[in-house]
Amino acid sequence: AGLVVAAVRWKRTYMWWPFFVPLFVTQVFSRG
């Protein structure tokens, strides 16, 4: 639900979304 609200309230939450990068880069390019 928060992802949906944050997408609508983009200007209040834009600073959080880029932190998906350290989450997914370390996961996608590593094993296990």
PDB file of all heavy atoms in Angstrom:
ATOM      1  N   ALA A   1       0.835  -1.206   0.000  1.00  0.00           N
ATOM      2  CA  ALA A   1       0.000   0.000   0.000  1.00  0.00           C
ATOM      3  C   ALA A   1       0.867   1.253   0.000  1.00  0.00           C
ATOM      4  O   ALA A   1       0.577   2.241  -0.694  1.00  0.00           O
ATOM      5  CB  ALA A   1      -0.925  -0.007   1.220  1.00  0.00           C
ATOM      6  N   GLY A   2       1.960   1.198   0.753  1.00  0.00           N
ATOM      7  CA  GLY A   2       2.863   2.336   0.817  1.00  0.00           C
ATOM      8  C   GLY A   2       3.543   2.625  -0.509  1.00  0.00           C
ATOM      9  O   GLY A   2       3.765   3.791  -0.861  1.00  0.00           O
ATOM     10  N   LEU A   3       3.870   1.578  -1.268  1.00  0.00           N
ATOM     11  CA  LEU A   3       4.467   1.779  -2.590  1.00  0.00           C
ATOM     12  C   LEU A   3       3.510   2.546  -3.500  1.00  0.00           C
ATOM     13  O   LEU A   3       3.924   3.437  -4.249  1.00  0.00           O
ATOM     14  CB  LEU A   3       4.820   0.435  -3.226  1.00  0.00           C
ATOM     15  CG  LEU A   3       6.024  -0.313  -2.657  1.00  0.00           C
ATOM     16  CD1 LEU A   3       6.159  -1.676  -3.340  1.00  0.00           C
ATOM     17  CD2 LEU A   3       7.305   0.485  -2.818  1.00  0.00           C
ATOM     18  N   VAL A   4       2.223   2.200  -3.425  1.00  0.00           N
ATOM     19  CA  VAL A   4       1.221   2.882  -4.254  1.00  0.00           C
ATOM     20  C   VAL A   4       1.103   4.345  -3.836  1.00  0.00           C
ATOM     21  O   VAL A   4       1.125   5.260  -4.676  1.00  0.00           O
ATOM     22  CB  VAL A   4      -0.139   2.166  -4.153  1.00  0.00           C
ATOM     23  CG1 VAL A   4      -1.214   2.961  -4.895  1.00  0.00           C
ATOM     24  CG2 VAL A   4      -0.046   0.747  -4.707  1.00  0.00           C
ATOM     25  N   VAL A   5       0.975   4.584  -2.526  1.00  0.00           N
ATOM     26  CA  VAL A   5       0.850   5.958  -2.033  1.00  0.00           C
ATOM     27  C   VAL A   5       2.098   6.758  -2.371  1.00  0.00           C
ATOM     28  O   VAL A   5       2.018   7.918  -2.806  1.00  0.00           O
ATOM     29  CB  VAL A   5       0.603   5.962  -0.509  1.00  0.00           C
ATOM     30  CG1 VAL A   5       0.637   7.391   0.032  1.00  0.00           C
ATOM     31  CG2 VAL A   5      -0.730   5.297  -0.177  1.00  0.00           C
ATOM     32  N   ALA A   6       3.281   6.141  -2.195  1.00  0.00           N
ATOM     33  CA  ALA A   6       4.527   6.847  -2.469  1.00  0.00           C
ATOM     34  C   ALA A   6       4.661   7.192  -3.946  1.00  0.00           C
ATOM     35  O   ALA A   6       5.217   8.243  -4.291  1.00  0.00           O
ATOM     36  CB  ALA A   6       5.715   5.993  -2.021  1.00  0.00           C
ATOM     37  N   ALA A   7       4.147   6.323  -4.819  1.00  0.00           N
ATOM     38  CA  ALA A   7       4.185   6.623  -6.250  1.00  0.00           C
ATOM     39  C   ALA A   7       3.287   7.815  -6.576  1.00  0.00           C
ATOM     40  O   ALA A   7       3.627   8.670  -7.404  1.00  0.00           O
ATOM     41  CB  ALA A   7       3.761   5.394  -7.048  1.00  0.00           C
ATOM     42  N   VAL A   8       2.133   7.893  -5.901  1.00  0.00           N
ATOM     43  CA  VAL A   8       1.211   9.021  -6.113  1.00  0.00           C
ATOM     44  C   VAL A   8       1.793  10.293  -5.494  1.00  0.00           C
ATOM     45  O   VAL A   8       1.746  11.364  -6.103  1.00  0.00           O
ATOM     46  CB  VAL A   8      -0.167   8.699  -5.510  1.00  0.00           C
ATOM     47  CG1 VAL A   8      -1.079   9.917  -5.590  1.00  0.00           C
ATOM     48  CG2 VAL A   8      -0.794   7.502  -6.220  1.00  0.00           C
ATOM     49  N   ARG A   9       2.339  10.160  -4.290  1.00  0.00           N
ATOM     50  CA  ARG A   9       2.934  11.305  -3.592  1.00  0.00           C
ATOM     51  C   ARG A   9       4.434  11.384  -3.909  1.00  0.00           C
ATOM     52  O   ARG A   9       5.283  11.479  -3.027  1.00  0.00           O
ATOM     53  CB  ARG A   9       2.704  11.177  -2.078  1.00  0.00           C
ATOM     54  CG  ARG A   9       1.262  11.048  -1.664  1.00  0.00           C
ATOM     55  CD  ARG A   9       0.444  12.227  -2.118  1.00  0.00           C
ATOM     56  NE  ARG A   9      -0.943  12.161  -1.667  1.00  0.00           N
ATOM     57  CZ  ARG A   9      -1.921  12.886  -2.182  1.00  0.00           C
ATOM     58  NH1 ARG A   9      -1.654  13.725  -3.178  1.00  0.00           N
ATOM     59  NH2 ARG A   9      -3.155  12.773  -1.730  1.00  0.00           N
ATOM     60  N   TRP A  10       4.744  11.355  -5.156  1.00  0.00           N
ATOM     61  CA  TRP A  10       6.115  11.248  -5.659  1.00  0.00           C
ATOM     62  C   TRP A  10       7.033  12.335  -5.113  1.00  0.00           C
ATOM     63  O   TRP A  10       8.168  12.073  -4.732  1.00  0.00           O
ATOM     64  CB  TRP A  10       6.056  11.291  -7.180  1.00  0.00           C
ATOM     65  CG  TRP A  10       7.364  11.265  -7.897  1.00  0.00           C
ATOM     66  CD1 TRP A  10       7.944  12.303  -8.566  1.00  0.00           C
ATOM     67  CD2 TRP A  10       8.254  10.162  -8.025  1.00  0.00           C
ATOM     68  NE1 TRP A  10       9.142  11.906  -9.109  1.00  0.00           N
ATOM     69  CE2 TRP A  10       9.361  10.592  -8.782  1.00  0.00           C
ATOM     70  CE3 TRP A  10       8.242   8.846  -7.561  1.00  0.00           C
ATOM     71  CZ2 TRP A  10      10.425   9.766  -9.104  1.00  0.00           C
ATOM     72  CZ3 TRP A  10       9.317   8.024  -7.880  1.00  0.00           C
ATOM     73  CH2 TRP A  10      10.375   8.486  -8.639  1.00  0.00           C
ATOM     74  N   LYS A  11       6.537  13.565  -5.050  1.00  0.00           N
ATOM     75  CA  LYS A  11       7.396  14.669  -4.632  1.00  0.00           C
ATOM     76  C   LYS A  11       7.765  14.598  -3.151  1.00  0.00           C
ATOM     77  O   LYS A  11       8.729  15.236  -2.729  1.00  0.00           O
ATOM     78  CB  LYS A  11       6.729  16.004  -4.955  1.00  0.00           C
ATOM     79  CG  LYS A  11       6.669  16.289  -6.452  1.00  0.00           C
ATOM     80  CD  LYS A  11       6.164  17.684  -6.744  1.00  0.00           C
ATOM     81  CE  LYS A  11       6.171  17.983  -8.237  1.00  0.00           C
ATOM     82  NZ  LYS A  11       5.703  19.362  -8.535  1.00  0.00           N
ATOM     83  N   ARG A  12       6.995  13.873  -2.358  1.00  0.00           N
ATOM     84  CA  ARG A  12       7.316  13.709  -0.936  1.00  0.00           C
ATOM     85  C   ARG A  12       8.203  12.502  -0.684  1.00  0.00           C
ATOM     86  O   ARG A  12       8.766  12.367   0.415  1.00  0.00           O
ATOM     87  CB  ARG A  12       6.017  13.566  -0.123  1.00  0.00           C
ATOM     88  CG  ARG A  12       5.253  14.876   0.047  1.00  0.00           C
ATOM     89  CD  ARG A  12       3.876  14.626   0.620  1.00  0.00           C
ATOM     90  NE  ARG A  12       3.908  13.878   1.871  1.00  0.00           N
ATOM     91  CZ  ARG A  12       2.868  13.241   2.374  1.00  0.00           C
ATOM     92  NH1 ARG A  12       1.702  13.235   1.747  1.00  0.00           N
ATOM     93  NH2 ARG A  12       2.971  12.598   3.523  1.00  0.00           N
ATOM     94  N   THR A  13       8.324  11.611  -1.659  1.00  0.00           N
ATOM     95  CA  THR A  13       9.004  10.336  -1.405  1.00  0.00           C
ATOM     96  C   THR A  13      10.104  10.011  -2.418  1.00  0.00           C
ATOM     97  O   THR A  13      10.693   8.935  -2.341  1.00  0.00           O
ATOM     98  CB  THR A  13       7.980   9.188  -1.416  1.00  0.00           C
ATOM     99  OG1 THR A  13       7.400   9.086  -2.731  1.00  0.00           O
ATOM    100  CG2 THR A  13       6.882   9.410  -0.402  1.00  0.00           C
ATOM    101  N   TYR A  14      10.390  10.932  -3.343  1.00  0.00           N
ATOM    102  CA  TYR A  14      11.340  10.610  -4.410  1.00  0.00           C
ATOM    103  C   TYR A  14      12.717  10.235  -3.867  1.00  0.00           C
ATOM    104  O   TYR A  14      13.478   9.491  -4.503  1.00  0.00           O
ATOM    105  CB  TYR A  14      11.477  11.804  -5.380  1.00  0.00           C
ATOM    106  CG  TYR A  14      12.208  12.984  -4.803  1.00  0.00           C
ATOM    107  CD1 TYR A  14      13.590  13.105  -4.920  1.00  0.00           C
ATOM    108  CD2 TYR A  14      11.518  13.992  -4.123  1.00  0.00           C
ATOM    109  CE1 TYR A  14      14.263  14.197  -4.375  1.00  0.00           C
ATOM    110  CE2 TYR A  14      12.184  15.079  -3.578  1.00  0.00           C
ATOM    111  CZ  TYR A  14      13.556  15.172  -3.705  1.00  0.00           C
ATOM    112  OH  TYR A  14      14.224  16.243  -3.155  1.00  0.00           O
ATOM    113  N   MET A  15      13.079  10.724  -2.685  1.00  0.00           N
ATOM    114  CA  MET A  15      14.417  10.479  -2.157  1.00  0.00           C
ATOM    115  C   MET A  15      14.615   9.045  -1.669  1.00  0.00           C
ATOM    116  O   MET A  15      15.754   8.621  -1.439  1.00  0.00           O
ATOM    117  CB  MET A  15      14.733  11.480  -1.040  1.00  0.00           C
ATOM    118  CG  MET A  15      13.928  11.303   0.245  1.00  0.00           C
ATOM    119  SD  MET A  15      12.176  11.781   0.109  1.00  0.00           S
ATOM    120  CE  MET A  15      12.308  13.544  -0.178  1.00  0.00           C
ATOM    121  N   TRP A  16      13.528   8.277  -1.512  1.00  0.00           N
ATOM    122  CA  TRP A  16      13.672   6.893  -1.045  1.00  0.00           C
ATOM    123  C   TRP A  16      13.920   5.911  -2.184  1.00  0.00           C
ATOM    124  O   TRP A  16      14.631   4.930  -2.020  1.00  0.00           O
ATOM    125  CB  TRP A  16      12.413   6.447  -0.301  1.00  0.00           C
ATOM    126  CG  TRP A  16      11.978   7.339   0.803  1.00  0.00           C
ATOM    127  CD1 TRP A  16      12.734   8.245   1.500  1.00  0.00           C
ATOM    128  CD2 TRP A  16      10.655   7.422   1.345  1.00  0.00           C
ATOM    129  NE1 TRP A  16      11.967   8.879   2.440  1.00  0.00           N
ATOM    130  CE2 TRP A  16      10.685   8.396   2.371  1.00  0.00           C
ATOM    131  CE3 TRP A  16       9.465   6.759   1.082  1.00  0.00           C
ATOM    132  CZ2 TRP A  16       9.556   8.720   3.116  1.00  0.00           C
ATOM    133  CZ3 TRP A  16       8.340   7.075   1.818  1.00  0.00           C
ATOM    134  CH2 TRP A  16       8.381   8.049   2.824  1.00  0.00           C
ATOM    135  N   TRP A  17      13.303   6.169  -3.331  1.00  0.00           N
ATOM    136  CA  TRP A  17      13.322   5.202  -4.426  1.00  0.00           C
ATOM    137  C   TRP A  17      14.723   4.847  -4.905  1.00  0.00           C
ATOM    138  O   TRP A  17      14.977   3.677  -5.253  1.00  0.00           O
ATOM    139  CB  TRP A  17      12.463   5.699  -5.588  1.00  0.00           C
ATOM    140  CG  TRP A  17      11.010   5.839  -5.239  1.00  0.00           C
ATOM    141  CD1 TRP A  17      10.405   6.924  -4.674  1.00  0.00           C
ATOM    142  CD2 TRP A  17       9.982   4.865  -5.415  1.00  0.00           C
ATOM    143  NE1 TRP A  17       9.061   6.686  -4.505  1.00  0.00           N
ATOM    144  CE2 TRP A  17       8.771   5.427  -4.951  1.00  0.00           C
ATOM    145  CE3 TRP A  17       9.970   3.575  -5.932  1.00  0.00           C
ATOM    146  CZ2 TRP A  17       7.559   4.737  -4.986  1.00  0.00           C
ATOM    147  CZ3 TRP A  17       8.763   2.879  -5.973  1.00  0.00           C
ATOM    148  CH2 TRP A  17       7.575   3.460  -5.490  1.00  0.00           C
ATOM    149  N   PRO A  18      15.672   5.781  -4.990  1.00  0.00           N
ATOM    150  CA  PRO A  18      17.010   5.399  -5.472  1.00  0.00           C
ATOM    151  C   PRO A  18      17.716   4.347  -4.621  1.00  0.00           C
ATOM    152  O   PRO A  18      18.679   3.725  -5.084  1.00  0.00           O
ATOM    153  CB  PRO A  18      17.786   6.730  -5.459  1.00  0.00           C
ATOM    154  CG  PRO A  18      16.724   7.769  -5.673  1.00  0.00           C
ATOM    155  CD  PRO A  18      15.553   7.263  -4.877  1.00  0.00           C
ATOM    156  N   PHE A  19      17.242   4.127  -3.393  1.00  0.00           N
ATOM    157  CA  PHE A  19      17.912   3.141  -2.552  1.00  0.00           C
ATOM    158  C   PHE A  19      17.509   1.707  -2.894  1.00  0.00           C
ATOM    159  O   PHE A  19      18.024   0.758  -2.289  1.00  0.00           O
ATOM    160  CB  PHE A  19      17.694   3.481  -1.076  1.00  0.00           C
ATOM    161  CG  PHE A  19      18.540   4.643  -0.651  1.00  0.00           C
ATOM    162  CD1 PHE A  19      18.101   5.952  -0.846  1.00  0.00           C
ATOM    163  CD2 PHE A  19      19.802   4.450  -0.122  1.00  0.00           C
ATOM    164  CE1 PHE A  19      18.893   7.039  -0.505  1.00  0.00           C
ATOM    165  CE2 PHE A  19      20.607   5.529   0.233  1.00  0.00           C
ATOM    166  CZ  PHE A  19      20.152   6.829   0.036  1.00  0.00           C
ATOM    167  N   PHE A  20      16.614   1.566  -3.876  1.00  0.00           N
ATOM    168  CA  PHE A  20      16.430   0.246  -4.475  1.00  0.00           C
ATOM    169  C   PHE A  20      17.691  -0.175  -5.230  1.00  0.00           C
ATOM    170  O   PHE A  20      17.902  -1.363  -5.463  1.00  0.00           O
ATOM    171  CB  PHE A  20      15.240   0.243  -5.440  1.00  0.00           C
ATOM    172  CG  PHE A  20      13.908   0.083  -4.768  1.00  0.00           C
ATOM    173  CD1 PHE A  20      13.049   1.167  -4.622  1.00  0.00           C
ATOM    174  CD2 PHE A  20      13.493  -1.150  -4.292  1.00  0.00           C
ATOM    175  CE1 PHE A  20      11.815   1.025  -4.009  1.00  0.00           C
ATOM    176  CE2 PHE A  20      12.260  -1.306  -3.673  1.00  0.00           C
ATOM    177  CZ  PHE A  20      11.413  -0.218  -3.531  1.00  0.00           C
ATOM    178  N   VAL A  21      18.527   0.781  -5.630  1.00  0.00           N
ATOM    179  CA  VAL A  21      19.742   0.455  -6.400  1.00  0.00           C
ATOM    180  C   VAL A  21      20.717  -0.372  -5.573  1.00  0.00           C
ATOM    181  O   VAL A  21      21.117  -1.465  -6.008  1.00  0.00           O
ATOM    182  CB  VAL A  21      20.402   1.738  -6.951  1.00  0.00           C
ATOM    183  CG1 VAL A  21      21.766   1.415  -7.561  1.00  0.00           C
ATOM    184  CG2 VAL A  21      19.499   2.399  -7.982  1.00  0.00           C
ATOM    185  N   PRO A  22      21.164   0.075  -4.381  1.00  0.00           N
ATOM    186  CA  PRO A  22      22.065  -0.790  -3.609  1.00  0.00           C
ATOM    187  C   PRO A  22      21.414  -2.103  -3.201  1.00  0.00           C
ATOM    188  O   PRO A  22      22.109  -3.113  -3.044  1.00  0.00           O
ATOM    189  CB  PRO A  22      22.425   0.057  -2.379  1.00  0.00           C
ATOM    190  CG  PRO A  22      21.449   1.179  -2.346  1.00  0.00           C
ATOM    191  CD  PRO A  22      21.007   1.404  -3.747  1.00  0.00           C
ATOM    192  N   LEU A  23      20.089  -2.104  -3.032  1.00  0.00           N
ATOM    193  CA  LEU A  23      19.406  -3.356  -2.708  1.00  0.00           C
ATOM    194  C   LEU A  23      19.532  -4.345  -3.852  1.00  0.00           C
ATOM    195  O   LEU A  23      19.991  -5.485  -3.672  1.00  0.00           O
ATOM    196  CB  LEU A  23      17.927  -3.089  -2.394  1.00  0.00           C
ATOM    197  CG  LEU A  23      17.050  -4.352  -2.248  1.00  0.00           C
ATOM    198  CD1 LEU A  23      17.470  -5.154  -1.024  1.00  0.00           C
ATOM    199  CD2 LEU A  23      15.578  -3.981  -2.181  1.00  0.00           C
ATOM    200  N   PHE A  24      19.136  -3.936  -5.058  1.00  0.00           N
ATOM    201  CA  PHE A  24      19.031  -4.892  -6.154  1.00  0.00           C
ATOM    202  C   PHE A  24      20.348  -5.168  -6.863  1.00  0.00           C
ATOM    203  O   PHE A  24      20.573  -6.286  -7.327  1.00  0.00           O
ATOM    204  CB  PHE A  24      17.958  -4.442  -7.154  1.00  0.00           C
ATOM    205  CG  PHE A  24      16.592  -4.892  -6.757  1.00  0.00           C
ATOM    206  CD1 PHE A  24      15.727  -4.034  -6.100  1.00  0.00           C
ATOM    207  CD2 PHE A  24      16.172  -6.185  -7.010  1.00  0.00           C
ATOM    208  CE1 PHE A  24      14.471  -4.454  -5.704  1.00  0.00           C
ATOM    209  CE2 PHE A  24      14.917  -6.624  -6.612  1.00  0.00           C
ATOM    210  CZ  PHE A  24      14.059  -5.754  -5.972  1.00  0.00           C
ATOM    211  N   VAL A  25      21.240  -4.194  -6.961  1.00  0.00           N
ATOM    212  CA  VAL A  25      22.516  -4.459  -7.631  1.00  0.00           C
ATOM    213  C   VAL A  25      23.287  -5.545  -6.884  1.00  0.00           C
ATOM    214  O   VAL A  25      23.840  -6.472  -7.495  1.00  0.00           O
ATOM    215  CB  VAL A  25      23.345  -3.172  -7.759  1.00  0.00           C
ATOM    216  CG1 VAL A  25      24.772  -3.495  -8.208  1.00  0.00           C
ATOM    217  CG2 VAL A  25      22.692  -2.225  -8.758  1.00  0.00           C
ATOM    218  N   THR A  26      23.332  -5.457  -5.562  1.00  0.00           N
ATOM    219  CA  THR A  26      24.066  -6.464  -4.792  1.00  0.00           C
ATOM    220  C   THR A  26      23.391  -7.827  -4.841  1.00  0.00           C
ATOM    221  O   THR A  26      24.056  -8.852  -4.685  1.00  0.00           O
ATOM    222  CB  THR A  26      24.200  -6.029  -3.318  1.00  0.00           C
ATOM    223  OG1 THR A  26      22.906  -5.721  -2.787  1.00  0.00           O
ATOM    224  CG2 THR A  26      25.089  -4.824  -3.181  1.00  0.00           C
ATOM    225  N   GLN A  27      22.096  -7.878  -5.081  1.00  0.00           N
ATOM    226  CA  GLN A  27      21.384  -9.150  -5.141  1.00  0.00           C
ATOM    227  C   GLN A  27      21.438  -9.769  -6.537  1.00  0.00           C
ATOM    228  O   GLN A  27      21.707 -10.955  -6.701  1.00  0.00           O
ATOM    229  CB  GLN A  27      19.915  -8.954  -4.734  1.00  0.00           C
ATOM    230  CG  GLN A  27      19.684  -8.350  -3.378  1.00  0.00           C
ATOM    231  CD  GLN A  27      19.883  -9.330  -2.243  1.00  0.00           C
ATOM    232  OE1 GLN A  27      19.796 -10.539  -2.411  1.00  0.00           O
ATOM    233  NE2 GLN A  27      20.166  -8.810  -1.060  1.00  0.00           N
ATOM    234  N   VAL A  28      21.172  -8.948  -7.556  1.00  0.00           N
ATOM    235  CA  VAL A  28      21.044  -9.459  -8.917  1.00  0.00           C
ATOM    236  C   VAL A  28      22.371  -9.977  -9.452  1.00  0.00           C
ATOM    237  O   VAL A  28      22.417 -10.969 -10.183  1.00  0.00           O
ATOM    238  CB  VAL A  28      20.472  -8.362  -9.845  1.00  0.00           C
ATOM    239  CG1 VAL A  28      20.564  -8.773 -11.310  1.00  0.00           C
ATOM    240  CG2 VAL A  28      19.016  -8.078  -9.470  1.00  0.00           C
ATOM    241  N   PHE A  29      23.474  -9.329  -9.071  1.00  0.00           N
ATOM    242  CA  PHE A  29      24.768  -9.705  -9.629  1.00  0.00           C
ATOM    243  C   PHE A  29      25.587 -10.592  -8.697  1.00  0.00           C
ATOM    244  O   PHE A  29      26.796 -10.729  -8.870  1.00  0.00           O
ATOM    245  CB  PHE A  29      25.551  -8.449 -10.014  1.00  0.00           C
ATOM    246  CG  PHE A  29      24.888  -7.669 -11.110  1.00  0.00           C
ATOM    247  CD1 PHE A  29      24.245  -6.473 -10.838  1.00  0.00           C
ATOM    248  CD2 PHE A  29      24.860  -8.160 -12.410  1.00  0.00           C
ATOM    249  CE1 PHE A  29      23.613  -5.757 -11.849  1.00  0.00           C
ATOM    250  CE2 PHE A  29      24.227  -7.454 -13.426  1.00  0.00           C
ATOM    251  CZ  PHE A  29      23.595  -6.252 -13.152  1.00  0.00           C
ATOM    252  N   SER A  30      24.930 -11.199  -7.714  1.00  0.00           N
ATOM    253  CA  SER A  30      25.630 -12.140  -6.843  1.00  0.00           C
ATOM    254  C   SER A  30      24.809 -13.418  -6.687  1.00  0.00           C
ATOM    255  O   SER A  30      23.609 -13.449  -6.957  1.00  0.00           O
ATOM    256  CB  SER A  30      25.915 -11.513  -5.474  1.00  0.00           C
ATOM    257  OG  SER A  30      24.714 -11.184  -4.803  1.00  0.00           O
ATOM    258  N   ARG A  31      25.474 -14.463  -6.270  1.00  0.00           N
ATOM    259  CA  ARG A  31      24.853 -15.778  -6.126  1.00  0.00           C
ATOM    260  C   ARG A  31      24.246 -15.930  -4.733  1.00  0.00           C
ATOM    261  O   ARG A  31      24.604 -15.237  -3.807  1.00  0.00           O
ATOM    262  CB  ARG A  31      25.906 -16.870  -6.374  1.00  0.00           C
ATOM    263  CG  ARG A  31      26.470 -16.830  -7.786  1.00  0.00           C
ATOM    264  CD  ARG A  31      27.794 -17.576  -7.913  1.00  0.00           C
ATOM    265  NE  ARG A  31      28.339 -17.358  -9.246  1.00  0.00           N
ATOM    266  CZ  ARG A  31      28.171 -18.190 -10.274  1.00  0.00           C
ATOM    267  NH1 ARG A  31      27.478 -19.307 -10.108  1.00  0.00           N
ATOM    268  NH2 ARG A  31      28.684 -17.915 -11.461  1.00  0.00           N
ATOM    269  N   GLY A  32      23.342 -16.897  -4.620  1.00  0.00           N
ATOM    270  CA  GLY A  32      22.742 -17.183  -3.323  1.00  0.00           C
ATOM    271  C   GLY A  32      21.739 -16.155  -2.868  1.00  0.00           C
ATOM    272  O   GLY A  32      21.588 -15.919  -1.672  1.00  0.00           O
TER     273      GLY A  32
END
